[in-house]
Protein backbone atom coordinates (compact mmCIF):
# COMPACT_ATOMS: atom_id res chain seq x y z
CA MET A 1 0.00 0.00 0.00
CA PRO A 2 1.46 3.46 -0.92
CA LEU A 3 2.55 5.52 2.09
CA VAL A 4 -0.14 8.17 1.55
CA PHE A 5 -2.89 5.56 1.70
CA GLN A 6 -1.29 3.97 4.77
CA ARG A 7 -1.43 7.34 6.54
CA ILE A 8 -5.05 7.91 5.50
CA ALA A 9 -5.99 4.43 6.71
CA PHE A 10 -4.16 4.96 9.99
CA GLY A 11 -5.99 8.27 10.46
CA ILE A 12 -9.37 6.62 9.87
CA VAL A 13 -8.63 3.84 12.37
CA SER A 14 -7.40 6.36 14.94
CA GLU A 15 -10.57 8.42 14.50
CA ILE A 16 -12.75 5.33 14.99
CA ASN A 17 -10.83 4.33 18.12
CA TRP A 18 -11.09 7.87 19.54
CA ARG A 19 -14.84 7.98 18.93
CA VAL A 20 -15.37 4.55 20.54
CA MET A 21 -13.24 5.41 23.56
CA SER A 22 -14.98 8.74 24.08
CA ALA A 23 -18.54 7.47 23.59
CA GLU A 24 -20.95 5.71 25.89
CA PRO A 25 -19.83 2.09 26.48
CA THR A 26 -22.84 0.50 24.79
CA LEU A 27 -23.16 3.01 21.93
CA PHE A 28 -21.00 1.06 19.51
CA ALA A 29 -21.59 -2.39 21.01
CA SER A 30 -24.09 -3.39 18.33
CA HIS A 31 -21.56 -2.45 15.60
CA LEU A 32 -18.65 -4.34 17.11
CA PRO A 33 -17.89 -8.06 16.94
CA PRO A 34 -18.91 -10.16 19.97
CA LEU A 35 -16.69 -9.88 23.04
CA ALA A 36 -15.18 -13.34 22.50
CA ASP A 37 -14.01 -12.29 19.02
CA ARG A 38 -12.77 -8.86 20.10
CA VAL A 39 -10.39 -10.32 22.67
CA ARG A 40 -9.25 -13.36 20.68
CA PRO A 41 -5.47 -13.88 21.12
CA ARG A 42 -3.34 -12.97 18.10
CA ASN A 43 -0.24 -15.02 18.96
CA LEU A 44 0.87 -17.81 21.28
CA THR A 45 2.22 -15.30 23.80
CA GLU A 46 -1.33 -14.04 24.37
CA PHE A 47 -2.85 -17.51 24.32
CA ILE A 48 -3.91 -18.88 27.73
CA GLY A 49 -4.26 -22.58 28.54
CA GLN A 50 -3.29 -25.79 26.70
CA GLU A 51 0.25 -25.61 28.08
CA HIS A 52 0.86 -29.19 26.94
CA LEU A 53 0.60 -27.91 23.34
CA VAL A 54 1.75 -24.28 23.39
CA GLY A 55 4.26 -24.23 26.24
CA ASP A 56 8.02 -23.94 25.83
CA ARG A 57 9.36 -26.63 23.45
CA LYS A 58 5.85 -28.05 22.92
CA ILE A 59 4.54 -29.07 19.51
CA LEU A 60 2.61 -25.92 18.53
CA GLN A 61 5.33 -23.63 19.84
CA HIS A 62 7.80 -25.53 17.66
CA LEU A 63 5.44 -25.46 14.66
CA VAL A 64 4.95 -21.69 14.90
CA GLU A 65 8.64 -20.90 15.43
CA LYS A 66 10.00 -23.22 12.73
CA LYS A 67 7.08 -22.66 10.31
CA LYS A 68 7.13 -26.35 9.40
CA LEU A 69 3.44 -26.88 8.71
CA PHE A 70 1.53 -30.14 8.71
CA SER A 71 -2.15 -31.05 8.80
CA LEU A 72 -3.78 -31.11 12.23
CA ILE A 73 -7.02 -32.09 13.88
CA LEU A 74 -7.69 -30.15 17.07
CA TRP A 75 -9.98 -32.25 19.25
CA GLY A 76 -11.51 -30.86 22.42
CA PRO A 77 -14.54 -29.38 24.19
CA PRO A 78 -16.11 -26.05 23.16
CA GLY A 79 -14.36 -22.80 23.98
CA THR A 80 -10.87 -24.24 24.47
CA GLY A 81 -9.09 -22.37 21.66
CA LYS A 82 -9.34 -24.56 18.56
CA THR A 83 -10.28 -21.78 16.12
CA THR A 84 -7.88 -19.33 17.75
CA LEU A 85 -4.93 -21.72 17.44
CA ALA A 86 -5.72 -22.33 13.77
CA ARG A 87 -5.69 -18.60 13.06
CA ILE A 88 -2.47 -18.08 15.02
CA ILE A 89 -0.72 -20.86 13.07
CA ALA A 90 -1.85 -19.40 9.74
CA HIS A 91 -0.88 -15.85 10.66
CA SER A 92 2.53 -16.80 12.04
CA SER A 93 3.41 -18.81 8.93
CA GLY A 94 2.25 -16.23 6.41
CA SER A 95 -0.06 -18.78 4.82
CA ALA A 96 -3.22 -18.05 2.88
CA PHE A 97 -6.04 -18.87 5.30
CA HIS A 98 -9.50 -20.13 4.40
CA GLU A 99 -12.11 -20.93 7.02
CA ILE A 100 -15.25 -22.99 6.40
CA SER A 101 -17.84 -24.78 8.52
CA ALA A 102 -18.66 -28.41 7.83
CA VAL A 103 -22.29 -27.59 8.61
CA SER A 104 -22.82 -25.09 5.80
CA SER A 105 -20.12 -25.92 3.23
CA GLY A 106 -20.16 -28.48 0.42
CA VAL A 107 -17.82 -30.11 -2.07
CA LYS A 108 -18.07 -27.04 -4.33
CA ASP A 109 -16.58 -24.85 -1.58
CA LEU A 110 -13.75 -27.33 -1.07
CA ARG A 111 -12.91 -27.39 -4.77
CA GLU A 112 -12.69 -23.60 -4.82
CA VAL A 113 -10.22 -23.60 -1.90
CA ILE A 114 -8.20 -26.36 -3.59
CA ARG A 115 -8.11 -24.30 -6.80
CA ARG A 116 -6.74 -21.35 -4.87
CA GLY A 117 -4.27 -23.68 -3.16
CA HIS A 118 -2.83 -24.65 -6.55
CA SER A 119 -2.44 -20.97 -7.47
CA ASN A 120 -0.84 -20.11 -4.13
CA ARG A 121 1.63 -22.98 -4.41
CA GLU A 122 2.79 -21.70 -7.82
CA MET A 123 3.60 -18.40 -6.08
CA GLY A 124 5.42 -20.15 -3.23
CA GLN A 125 2.73 -19.64 -0.58
CA SER A 126 1.17 -22.32 1.62
CA THR A 127 -2.62 -22.60 1.95
CA ILE A 128 -4.28 -23.53 5.21
CA LEU A 129 -7.91 -24.65 5.21
CA PHE A 130 -9.56 -24.51 8.63
CA ILE A 131 -12.62 -26.78 8.85
CA ASP A 132 -14.80 -26.17 11.87
CA GLU A 133 -16.72 -29.26 13.03
CA ILE A 134 -14.85 -31.55 10.66
CA HIS A 135 -16.67 -34.52 12.22
CA ARG A 136 -19.79 -33.39 10.32
CA PHE A 137 -18.14 -33.70 6.91
CA SER A 138 -19.56 -36.50 4.78
CA LYS A 139 -17.33 -39.21 3.32
CA SER A 140 -17.57 -37.61 -0.13
CA GLN A 141 -16.43 -34.26 1.27
CA GLN A 142 -13.51 -35.89 3.04
CA ASP A 143 -12.59 -37.83 -0.10
CA ALA A 144 -12.51 -34.53 -2.02
CA LEU A 145 -9.88 -33.27 0.42
CA LEU A 146 -7.67 -36.33 0.43
CA HIS A 147 -5.67 -35.88 -2.78
CA ALA A 148 -5.08 -32.17 -2.16
CA VAL A 149 -3.68 -32.96 1.28
CA GLU A 150 -1.55 -35.82 -0.09
CA GLU A 151 -0.07 -33.57 -2.77
CA GLY A 152 0.58 -30.70 -0.37
CA VAL A 153 -1.77 -28.35 -2.20
CA ILE A 154 -3.50 -27.48 1.07
CA ILE A 155 -2.81 -28.02 4.75
CA ILE A 156 -5.94 -28.73 6.74
CA ILE A 157 -6.59 -27.85 10.35
CA GLY A 158 -9.79 -29.47 11.52
CA ALA A 159 -11.64 -28.65 14.74
CA THR A 160 -13.92 -31.16 16.41
CA THR A 161 -15.64 -31.84 19.71
CA GLU A 162 -15.94 -35.50 18.67
CA ASN A 163 -13.38 -38.28 18.73
CA PRO A 164 -12.06 -38.00 15.15
CA SER A 165 -11.50 -41.76 14.88
CA PHE A 166 -15.30 -42.16 14.76
CA GLU A 167 -16.06 -39.75 11.93
CA VAL A 168 -12.88 -38.92 9.98
CA ILE A 169 -12.02 -41.46 7.27
CA GLY A 170 -8.88 -43.48 7.89
CA PRO A 171 -6.81 -42.24 4.91
CA LEU A 172 -7.40 -38.59 5.88
CA LEU A 173 -6.90 -39.22 9.60
CA SER A 174 -3.57 -40.95 8.91
CA ARG A 175 -2.30 -37.78 7.24
CA CYS A 176 -3.16 -35.56 10.19
CA ARG A 177 -1.68 -35.14 13.64
CA VAL A 178 -4.46 -35.28 16.24
CA LEU A 179 -3.96 -32.89 19.16
CA ARG A 180 -6.20 -33.12 22.20
CA LEU A 181 -7.28 -29.88 23.90
CA ASN A 182 -8.53 -29.89 27.48
CA SER A 183 -11.24 -27.88 29.18
CA LEU A 184 -9.74 -24.71 30.60
CA SER A 185 -9.02 -24.63 34.31
CA ASP A 186 -10.67 -22.06 36.59
CA SER A 187 -7.26 -20.41 36.96
CA ALA A 188 -6.91 -20.04 33.18
CA LEU A 189 -10.44 -18.61 32.91
CA ASP A 190 -9.67 -16.14 35.69
CA THR A 191 -6.56 -14.97 33.81
CA ILE A 192 -8.59 -14.60 30.61
CA LEU A 193 -11.17 -12.54 32.49
CA THR A 194 -8.49 -10.22 33.86
CA ARG A 195 -7.03 -9.65 30.40
CA VAL A 196 -10.46 -8.99 28.95
CA PHE A 197 -11.10 -6.17 31.43
CA GLU A 198 -7.65 -4.75 30.71
CA ASN A 199 -7.74 -4.93 26.91
CA ASP A 200 -11.30 -4.85 25.55
CA ILE A 201 -12.17 -1.53 23.95
CA LEU A 202 -15.57 -1.33 25.74
CA LEU A 203 -14.78 -2.84 29.12
CA GLN A 204 -11.71 -0.63 29.53
CA LYS A 205 -13.94 2.45 29.67
CA ALA A 206 -16.99 0.94 31.36
CA GLU A 207 -17.63 1.80 34.97
CA LEU A 208 -18.21 -1.86 35.73
CA LYS A 209 -17.99 -3.67 39.06
CA LEU A 210 -17.77 -7.44 39.36
CA PRO A 211 -17.73 -8.62 43.00
CA ALA A 212 -15.48 -11.55 43.83
CA ALA A 213 -18.36 -13.95 44.52
CA VAL A 214 -20.04 -13.07 41.23
CA ARG A 215 -16.75 -13.40 39.37
CA ASP A 216 -16.22 -16.84 40.89
CA ARG A 217 -19.75 -17.89 39.90
CA LEU A 218 -19.17 -16.66 36.34
CA ILE A 219 -15.95 -18.70 36.05
CA LYS A 220 -17.39 -21.89 37.51
CA SER A 221 -20.55 -21.69 35.41
CA ALA A 222 -18.43 -21.77 32.24
CA GLY A 223 -17.31 -25.35 32.84
CA GLY A 224 -13.93 -24.79 31.18
CA ASP A 225 -15.43 -22.99 28.15
CA ALA A 226 -13.95 -19.50 27.67
CA ARG A 227 -16.47 -18.50 25.02
CA LYS A 228 -19.37 -19.44 27.28
CA MET A 229 -17.90 -17.31 30.07
CA LEU A 230 -17.36 -14.29 27.80
CA ASN A 231 -20.81 -14.59 26.23
CA ALA A 232 -22.41 -14.58 29.69
CA LEU A 233 -20.32 -11.57 30.71
CA GLU A 234 -21.39 -9.71 27.57
CA VAL A 235 -25.07 -10.43 28.21
CA ALA A 236 -24.71 -9.20 31.82
CA PHE A 237 -22.86 -6.10 30.57
CA ASN A 238 -25.73 -5.25 28.26
CA LEU A 239 -28.38 -5.96 30.91
CA ILE A 240 -26.97 -3.19 33.13
CA GLY A 241 -26.41 -0.79 30.24
CA GLY A 242 -22.64 -0.99 30.31
CA ARG A 243 -22.11 0.54 33.75
CA GLY A 244 -22.71 -0.29 37.39
CA MET A 245 -22.46 -3.55 39.31
CA ILE A 246 -23.08 -7.02 37.96
CA THR A 247 -24.95 -8.60 40.84
CA MET A 248 -25.57 -12.30 41.34
CA ASP A 249 -29.16 -11.83 40.13
CA ILE A 250 -27.97 -10.10 36.95
CA LEU A 251 -25.43 -12.86 36.30
CA ASN A 252 -28.02 -15.58 36.86
CA GLU A 253 -30.32 -13.84 34.39
CA ALA A 254 -27.47 -13.69 31.86
CA LEU A 255 -26.66 -17.36 32.39
CA GLN A 256 -30.32 -18.29 32.01
CA SER A 257 -30.64 -16.40 28.76
CA ARG A 258 -27.58 -18.24 27.44
CA ALA A 259 -28.82 -21.62 28.65
CA GLN A 260 -32.00 -21.27 26.63
CA LEU A 261 -29.97 -21.21 23.40
CA TYR A 262 -29.11 -24.82 22.65
CA ASP A 263 -26.33 -24.68 20.06
CA LYS A 264 -27.85 -26.27 16.96
CA ALA A 265 -25.17 -25.37 14.44
CA GLY A 266 -21.97 -25.42 16.42
CA ASP A 267 -20.56 -26.93 19.59
CA TYR A 268 -22.51 -29.53 21.51
CA HIS A 269 -24.17 -28.66 24.76
CA TYR A 270 -21.88 -30.53 27.14
CA ASP A 271 -23.87 -29.69 30.24
CA THR A 272 -26.95 -31.40 28.81
CA ILE A 273 -25.18 -34.53 27.61
CA SER A 274 -23.58 -34.77 31.05
CA ALA A 275 -27.00 -34.62 32.72
CA PHE A 276 -28.26 -37.25 30.28
CA ILE A 277 -25.39 -39.67 30.95
CA LYS A 278 -25.64 -39.22 34.72
CA SER A 279 -29.38 -39.86 34.61
CA VAL A 280 -28.90 -43.15 32.74
CA ARG A 281 -26.05 -44.12 35.05
CA GLY A 282 -28.27 -43.26 38.02
CA SER A 283 -31.05 -45.60 36.76
CA ASP A 284 -33.60 -42.79 36.33
CA PRO A 285 -35.38 -43.40 32.99
CA ASP A 286 -37.66 -40.39 33.45
CA ALA A 287 -34.78 -37.93 33.83
CA ALA A 288 -32.91 -39.65 31.00
CA ILE A 289 -35.88 -39.26 28.63
CA TYR A 290 -36.24 -35.61 29.67
CA TRP A 291 -32.63 -34.73 28.83
CA LEU A 292 -32.81 -36.79 25.65
CA THR A 293 -35.79 -34.69 24.58
CA VAL A 294 -33.98 -31.44 25.42
CA MET A 295 -31.11 -32.47 23.17
CA LEU A 296 -33.25 -33.66 20.28
CA GLU A 297 -35.52 -30.59 20.40
CA GLY A 298 -32.37 -28.46 20.37
CA GLY A 299 -31.22 -30.08 17.14
CA GLU A 300 -28.61 -32.44 18.56
CA GLN A 301 -27.25 -35.02 16.13
CA PRO A 302 -28.89 -38.36 16.98
CA GLU A 303 -25.69 -40.27 16.12
CA PHE A 304 -23.84 -38.31 18.79
CA ILE A 305 -26.34 -39.46 21.42
CA ALA A 306 -26.28 -43.03 20.11
CA ARG A 307 -22.48 -43.19 20.40
CA ARG A 308 -22.67 -41.99 24.00
CA LEU A 309 -25.15 -44.76 24.75
CA ILE A 310 -22.74 -47.37 23.35
CA ILE A 311 -19.98 -46.13 25.64
CA LEU A 312 -22.37 -46.04 28.58
CA ALA A 313 -23.50 -49.62 27.94
CA SER A 314 -19.96 -50.89 28.55
CA GLU A 315 -18.72 -48.34 31.06
CA ASP A 316 -21.68 -48.28 33.45
CA ILE A 317 -23.63 -51.51 32.79
CA GLY A 318 -21.07 -53.94 31.46
CA ASN A 319 -21.62 -57.58 32.35
CA ALA A 320 -24.46 -56.81 34.73
CA ASP A 321 -26.53 -56.92 31.53
CA PRO A 322 -24.40 -57.92 28.50
CA GLN A 323 -27.43 -57.44 26.24
CA SER A 324 -27.12 -53.67 26.79
CA LEU A 325 -24.13 -53.34 24.48
CA THR A 326 -25.83 -55.34 21.74
CA LEU A 327 -28.95 -53.19 22.01
CA ALA A 328 -26.91 -49.96 22.01
CA MET A 329 -25.01 -51.05 18.89
CA SER A 330 -28.24 -52.03 17.15
CA GLY A 331 -29.73 -48.70 18.18
CA PHE A 332 -26.82 -46.81 16.64
CA GLN A 333 -27.21 -48.70 13.38
CA ALA A 334 -30.95 -48.05 13.33
CA VAL A 335 -30.49 -44.34 14.06
CA HIS A 336 -27.88 -44.07 11.32
CA THR A 337 -30.14 -45.90 8.85
CA ILE A 338 -33.52 -44.19 9.35
CA GLY A 339 -32.59 -40.70 10.54
CA MET A 340 -34.82 -38.20 12.30
CA PRO A 341 -37.59 -37.89 13.35
CA GLU A 342 -38.13 -41.65 13.71
CA ALA A 343 -34.62 -42.10 15.12
CA ALA A 344 -35.93 -40.44 18.30
CA ILE A 345 -38.10 -43.51 18.94
CA VAL A 346 -35.06 -45.79 18.74
CA LEU A 347 -33.08 -43.53 21.07
CA ALA A 348 -35.97 -43.51 23.53
CA GLN A 349 -36.05 -47.33 23.55
CA VAL A 350 -32.31 -47.71 24.10
CA THR A 351 -32.23 -44.91 26.68
CA THR A 352 -35.03 -46.34 28.83
CA TYR A 353 -33.57 -49.87 28.65
CA LEU A 354 -30.08 -48.77 29.69
CA ALA A 355 -31.43 -46.51 32.41
CA SER A 356 -33.50 -49.39 33.83
CA ALA A 357 -30.77 -52.04 33.54
CA PRO A 358 -28.64 -53.18 36.52
CA LYS A 359 -25.35 -51.28 36.71
CA SER A 360 -21.75 -52.42 37.01
CA ASN A 361 -18.49 -50.65 36.22
CA ALA A 362 -16.40 -53.75 37.05
CA SER A 363 -15.07 -54.18 33.50
CA HIS A 364 -14.05 -50.53 33.24
CA SER A 365 -12.44 -50.63 36.67
CA ALA A 366 -10.51 -53.77 35.69
CA LEU A 367 -9.20 -52.03 32.59
CA LEU A 368 -8.06 -48.98 34.57
CA ALA A 369 -6.33 -51.16 37.16
CA ALA A 370 -4.54 -53.19 34.48
CA GLN A 371 -3.47 -50.02 32.66
CA GLN A 372 -2.02 -48.65 35.88
CA THR A 373 -0.12 -51.88 36.55
CA VAL A 374 1.36 -52.00 33.03
CA ALA A 375 2.29 -48.31 33.20
CA GLN A 376 4.11 -48.81 36.50
CA SER A 377 5.83 -52.14 35.88
CA GLY A 378 6.19 -52.18 32.10
CA THR A 379 5.51 -55.13 29.83
CA PRO A 380 7.07 -58.36 31.16
CA SER A 381 8.08 -61.40 29.13
CA VAL A 382 5.28 -63.78 28.21
CA PRO A 383 5.67 -67.10 30.12
CA LEU A 384 7.12 -69.80 27.86
CA HIS A 385 4.17 -72.16 28.15
CA LEU A 386 1.85 -69.44 26.79
CA ARG A 387 3.96 -68.59 23.76
CA ASN A 388 3.09 -69.66 20.25
CA ALA A 389 5.44 -72.24 18.70
CA PRO A 390 4.94 -72.28 14.91
CA THR A 391 8.51 -73.49 14.18
CA GLN A 392 10.65 -76.37 15.43
CA LEU A 393 13.29 -73.92 16.66
CA MET A 394 10.73 -72.28 18.93
CA LYS A 395 9.60 -75.67 20.20
CA ASP A 396 13.21 -76.58 20.96
CA GLN A 397 13.51 -73.36 22.99
CA GLY A 398 10.52 -74.37 25.13
CA TYR A 399 7.81 -72.26 23.52
CA GLY A 400 4.40 -73.74 24.37
CA LYS A 401 5.94 -76.51 26.49
CA ASN A 402 3.73 -77.80 29.33
CA TYR A 403 0.71 -75.81 28.15
CA ILE A 404 -2.47 -77.57 29.32
CA TYR A 405 -5.45 -77.50 26.94
CA PRO A 406 -8.59 -76.68 29.01
CA HIS A 407 -11.04 -78.48 26.70
CA ASP A 408 -9.37 -81.82 27.46
CA HIS A 409 -10.56 -81.59 31.08
CA GLU A 410 -13.84 -81.81 32.91
CA GLY A 411 -15.77 -78.58 32.85
CA HIS A 412 -13.40 -77.34 30.14
CA PHE A 413 -11.25 -75.81 32.85
CA VAL A 414 -7.92 -76.51 34.50
CA GLN A 415 -5.93 -74.60 37.08
CA GLU A 416 -3.16 -72.90 35.12
CA THR A 417 -0.94 -69.84 35.44
CA TYR A 418 -1.71 -67.27 32.77
CA LEU A 419 -0.22 -64.14 34.36
CA PRO A 420 3.49 -63.28 34.62
CA ASP A 421 4.97 -64.54 37.90
CA ASP A 422 5.31 -61.06 39.42
CA VAL A 423 1.73 -59.97 38.68
CA LYS A 424 -0.64 -60.95 41.49
CA THR A 425 -3.32 -58.25 41.21
CA VAL A 426 -6.98 -59.24 40.89
CA PHE A 427 -8.15 -56.72 38.28
CA TYR A 428 -11.71 -57.88 37.61
CA GLN A 429 -14.13 -57.76 40.52
CA PRO A 430 -17.69 -58.49 39.32
CA THR A 431 -20.47 -57.00 41.39
CA ASN A 432 -23.59 -58.74 42.68
CA GLN A 433 -25.76 -56.91 40.13
CA GLY A 434 -27.63 -58.77 37.38
CA TYR A 435 -25.56 -61.18 35.30
CA ASP A 436 -22.46 -59.91 37.08
CA LYS A 437 -23.59 -61.96 40.07
CA PHE A 438 -23.57 -65.20 38.05
CA ILE A 439 -20.09 -64.37 36.71
CA ARG A 440 -18.79 -63.75 40.21
CA GLN A 441 -20.20 -67.06 41.49
CA ARG A 442 -18.52 -68.94 38.61
CA LEU A 443 -15.17 -67.23 39.21
CA GLN A 444 -15.41 -68.08 42.91
CA GLU A 445 -15.72 -71.74 41.95
CA LEU A 446 -12.88 -71.63 39.41
CA TRP A 447 -10.46 -69.38 41.32
CA PRO A 448 -11.41 -69.64 44.99
CA GLU A 449 -8.09 -68.19 46.15
CA ARG A 450 -8.79 -64.98 44.22
CA TYR A 451 -12.53 -64.55 44.71
CA ALA A 452 -13.42 -65.18 48.32
CA LYS A 453 -17.11 -65.83 48.98
């Protein structure tokens, strides 16, 4: 830009800033971006949270400093910085940046970005395509991306609240590095809040008071979601006209007004899915159906709910009712096949069955205990009698020697040692709930020294 035009532009921006700073706090609020966008960090120095990714010598710090770009999928809850990190990476690398939403974009949009990517590459510039909610892309959309990513025409950064292994096709997933983002801590949210009051063009001038108790309530109500916290603050700010004290009543009103807006097009409502899961786990089918209805009426994807029910069937019911997992899997397939609105009937059936079923987390607890043991002691050698012996050399070395075949014995069982010698932990402890009780009684008969009656 010629110097004269730079000076004119600078003068215009300065005039706008002077007018905003000298006006009433809410005068220009309707013409400004939302608070969460106004205070979005511009570089990693300003970014708060996710220290395991952006801290000193961490992967994103290295990526930004060295400008060695590669495709990423940022996986984490709402309001944890996925979009912000994508923009920081693009800006720091000098790449052309295109941003689309999987909800509203199609293959035609992708082809246009790919076309621009080819042009940019001829001029020596990288092209980053940021795809919000990449888990909502269809297989055909993902296939359209694959060759461009393979050839280096574009670098994709996908953002998702869903486990990408469920919805991103294998070939595309294998070409991306998946980075997990965590919910922000209360300390991180408090720091963000402080910076917002210091740096936002409206809040700097506002005669605003936020008592400590109200501030603490605002932070805790966000549940690790910075955008949710800032949206609630902005609503409260507008409710009092941009000046005065935000009382607990005002904050509660702001939080209520936000809670009524179930996010249909963007991030999932984690509070509601949490209430749903806890209701099923707590064996309350009425509460479970209520929260299921809240989600469906809000536009929640039925497949998202069905996947949660599959996890719940193993994690919270397990072998107390083994049929639960089969029903949950069948329910997912039915939901995927027929779609809404009839899929709601299937979800209601699976939800009420799982909520009414006996509960046991014994399988999950056994897995956690075994993982802890392996993490602490490492992976020991497999006992010789349990090893496979496909060759004569292995047989000569004792592989498979003295192994006793259970089916040759009465009851198809024989006392044998299957664990390494130094592992004595009893990982699996079935409960006395449902079919779990039968399993426990059988194990007490087979392994009386482990499972005391």
